[in-house]
Protein backbone atom coordinates (compact mmCIF):
# COMPACT_ATOMS: atom_id res chain seq x y z
CA UNK A 1 20.92 3.08 -1.41
CA UNK A 2 18.51 2.02 1.34
CA UNK A 3 19.77 1.26 4.72
CA UNK A 4 19.59 -2.31 6.05
CA UNK A 5 16.78 -1.40 8.47
CA UNK A 6 14.75 0.17 5.68
CA UNK A 7 15.15 -2.92 3.55
CA UNK A 8 14.02 -5.10 6.48
CA UNK A 9 10.93 -2.84 6.90
CA UNK A 10 10.15 -3.27 3.21
CA UNK A 11 10.55 -7.04 3.44
CA UNK A 12 8.12 -7.06 6.45
CA UNK A 13 5.63 -4.97 4.64
CA UNK A 14 5.67 -7.06 1.40
CA UNK A 15 5.56 -10.26 3.42
CA UNK A 16 2.44 -9.07 5.39
CA UNK A 17 0.67 -7.83 2.25
CA UNK A 18 -1.08 -9.80 -0.50
CA UNK A 19 1.23 -8.53 -3.24
CA UNK A 20 3.41 -11.16 -4.88
CA UNK A 21 6.14 -8.77 -6.34
CA UNK A 22 7.60 -5.46 -5.36
CA UNK A 23 10.27 -3.46 -7.29
CA UNK A 24 12.04 -0.33 -6.03
CA UNK A 25 14.57 1.57 -8.06
CA UNK A 26 16.61 4.61 -6.88
CA UNK A 27 19.82 6.20 -8.06
CA UNK A 28 20.92 3.23 -10.12
CA UNK A 29 20.18 0.65 -7.47
CA UNK A 30 17.27 -1.84 -7.71
CA UNK A 31 15.52 -3.98 -5.13
CA UNK A 32 13.10 -6.58 -6.25
CA UNK A 33 11.13 -8.86 -3.98
CA UNK A 34 8.94 -11.79 -5.01
CA UNK A 35 6.92 -14.10 -2.94
CA UNK A 36 6.64 -17.75 -3.97
CA UNK A 37 4.01 -19.36 -1.68
CA UNK A 38 5.24 -18.95 1.88
CA UNK A 39 8.77 -18.18 0.91
CA UNK A 40 9.85 -14.55 0.35
CA UNK A 41 12.83 -13.98 -2.16
CA UNK A 42 14.64 -10.76 -2.30
CA UNK A 43 16.98 -9.41 -4.90
CA UNK A 44 19.26 -6.41 -4.86
CA UNK A 45 20.89 -5.23 -8.15
CA UNK A 46 23.32 -2.26 -8.05
CA UNK A 47 23.89 -0.34 -11.25
CA UNK A 48 27.47 -1.89 -11.78
CA UNK A 49 26.16 -5.48 -11.71
CA UNK A 50 28.27 -6.36 -8.61
CA UNK A 51 27.25 -9.12 -6.24
CA UNK A 52 25.54 -8.05 -2.98
CA UNK A 53 26.25 -9.65 0.37
CA UNK A 54 23.30 -11.42 1.89
CA UNK A 55 21.17 -9.20 4.19
CA UNK A 56 19.70 -10.99 7.15
CA UNK A 57 15.96 -10.74 6.62
CA UNK A 58 13.00 -11.44 8.73
CA UNK A 59 12.47 -14.85 7.12
CA UNK A 60 16.18 -15.44 6.25
CA UNK A 61 15.37 -15.02 2.67
CA UNK A 62 18.12 -15.78 0.14
CA UNK A 63 19.50 -13.01 -1.91
CA UNK A 64 19.76 -13.64 -5.62
CA UNK A 65 20.96 -11.62 -8.54
CA UNK A 66 17.97 -10.01 -10.32
CA UNK A 67 17.38 -9.86 -14.04
CA UNK A 68 16.21 -6.65 -15.60
CA UNK A 69 12.45 -6.84 -15.44
CA UNK A 70 9.99 -4.05 -16.05
CA UNK A 71 8.16 -3.44 -12.83
CA UNK A 72 4.43 -4.34 -12.86
CA UNK A 73 2.26 -4.96 -9.90
CA UNK A 74 -1.46 -5.45 -10.58
CA UNK A 75 -3.95 -5.45 -7.78
CA UNK A 76 -7.42 -6.67 -8.65
CA UNK A 77 -10.29 -5.87 -6.43
CA UNK A 78 -13.99 -6.35 -6.79
CA UNK A 79 -16.38 -3.99 -5.35
CA UNK A 80 -20.13 -4.63 -4.69
CA UNK A 81 -22.85 -2.41 -6.09
CA UNK A 82 -23.90 -0.07 -3.25
CA UNK A 83 -27.43 1.23 -2.74
CA UNK A 84 -28.53 0.47 -6.34
CA UNK A 85 -25.69 2.71 -7.68
CA UNK A 86 -23.31 1.40 -10.16
CA UNK A 87 -19.58 1.58 -9.48
CA UNK A 88 -19.09 4.21 -12.14
CA UNK A 89 -21.42 6.59 -10.29
CA UNK A 90 -19.11 6.60 -7.23
CA UNK A 91 -15.59 7.97 -6.76
CA UNK A 92 -13.09 5.65 -5.24
CA UNK A 93 -10.56 7.04 -2.77
CA UNK A 94 -7.55 4.74 -3.25
CA UNK A 95 -4.41 4.16 -1.22
CA UNK A 96 -1.44 5.97 -2.61
CA UNK A 97 0.93 3.47 -1.02
CA UNK A 98 1.42 0.10 0.63
CA UNK A 99 0.89 0.41 4.34
CA UNK A 100 -1.49 0.11 7.34
CA UNK A 101 -4.90 1.77 7.23
CA UNK A 102 -5.96 3.83 10.28
CA UNK A 103 -9.41 5.29 10.37
CA UNK A 104 -8.59 7.80 13.21
CA UNK A 105 -5.57 9.82 14.33
CA UNK A 106 -5.27 7.96 17.65
CA UNK A 107 -6.76 4.61 18.89
CA UNK A 108 -9.00 6.45 21.43
CA UNK A 109 -10.56 8.91 19.05
CA UNK A 110 -13.47 8.67 16.58
CA UNK A 111 -12.85 7.82 12.96
CA UNK A 112 -12.27 10.73 10.54
CA UNK A 113 -15.28 9.60 8.50
CA UNK A 114 -17.94 6.88 8.40
CA UNK A 115 -20.62 5.93 5.97
CA UNK A 116 -22.88 8.99 5.59
CA UNK A 117 -20.11 11.57 6.42
CA UNK A 118 -19.95 14.63 4.17
CA UNK A 119 -16.47 15.36 2.84
CA UNK A 120 -14.79 18.15 0.82
CA UNK A 121 -11.74 17.82 -1.44
CA UNK A 122 -9.30 18.60 1.37
CA UNK A 123 -11.02 16.55 4.11
CA UNK A 124 -8.74 14.01 5.78
CA UNK A 125 -10.45 10.70 5.54
CA UNK A 126 -7.82 8.36 7.02
CA UNK A 127 -4.12 7.69 7.68
CA UNK A 128 -1.94 5.20 5.86
CA UNK A 129 1.25 4.34 7.83
CA UNK A 130 4.26 3.15 5.86
CA UNK A 131 7.66 2.65 7.39
CA UNK A 132 6.74 4.58 10.55
CA UNK A 133 5.51 7.58 8.51
CA UNK A 134 1.84 8.52 9.00
CA UNK A 135 0.36 9.87 5.74
CA UNK A 136 -2.93 11.71 5.88
CA UNK A 137 -5.17 10.79 2.93
CA UNK A 138 -7.58 13.44 1.60
CA UNK A 139 -10.98 12.88 0.10
CA UNK A 140 -10.04 14.35 -3.38
CA UNK A 141 -13.79 15.16 -4.10
CA UNK A 142 -16.72 16.87 -2.54
CA UNK A 143 -19.41 14.39 -1.56
CA UNK A 144 -20.76 11.86 0.85
CA UNK A 145 -18.99 8.66 2.02
CA UNK A 146 -21.14 5.80 0.83
CA UNK A 147 -18.99 2.86 2.10
CA UNK A 148 -15.62 2.26 4.04
CA UNK A 149 -14.08 -0.59 2.23
CA UNK A 150 -11.25 -1.54 4.70
CA UNK A 151 -11.05 -2.09 8.44
CA UNK A 152 -8.93 -0.25 10.96
CA UNK A 153 -5.45 -1.71 11.14
CA UNK A 154 -5.76 -3.58 7.86
CA UNK A 155 -2.79 -3.71 5.49
CA UNK A 156 -3.53 -1.99 2.13
CA UNK A 157 -1.95 -2.14 -1.23
CA UNK A 158 -0.99 0.65 -3.55
CA UNK A 159 -4.18 1.60 -5.61
CA UNK A 160 -6.54 -0.35 -3.36
CA UNK A 161 -9.87 1.35 -2.91
CA UNK A 162 -10.41 2.60 0.62
CA UNK A 163 -13.71 4.44 0.41
CA UNK A 164 -16.59 4.94 -2.04
CA UNK A 165 -17.85 8.45 -2.30
CA UNK A 166 -21.07 9.82 -3.94
CA UNK A 167 -19.82 13.00 -5.61
CA UNK A 168 -21.87 16.22 -5.26
């Protein structure tokens, strides 16, 4: 089971993101968070169907008993056509998690890559920070960065395109 502080961090990340629903299951415990307008509702469901005490959250969200629901989060994004190339010609480097996008390793250094940069499969292109962990994201393909789709410090969703790469 997650610690109270970890749950609070998850609530904060979901609240600051544009996703409406988040589900986390681990070792028979389930945490489900849904946003309704400006209100954030969290639900915790242990495997034994016991009631859970209210956890003080950032927005003092009520705790409710969750019903079994298949987790599904869909993130729709639209990408412009870049330099007369169709979207299918370009490789998308996507975020493997919900977190904060950082273009450089520290605030006072240059970005890992920018439009026009050459990358190889194992080149680090950015960092996505989630729950105080800094995860280096690799290019996954040899090619040239055509466009950076997010800004430094921006919250990103799971599966959200971060870069468009013209493969070699």
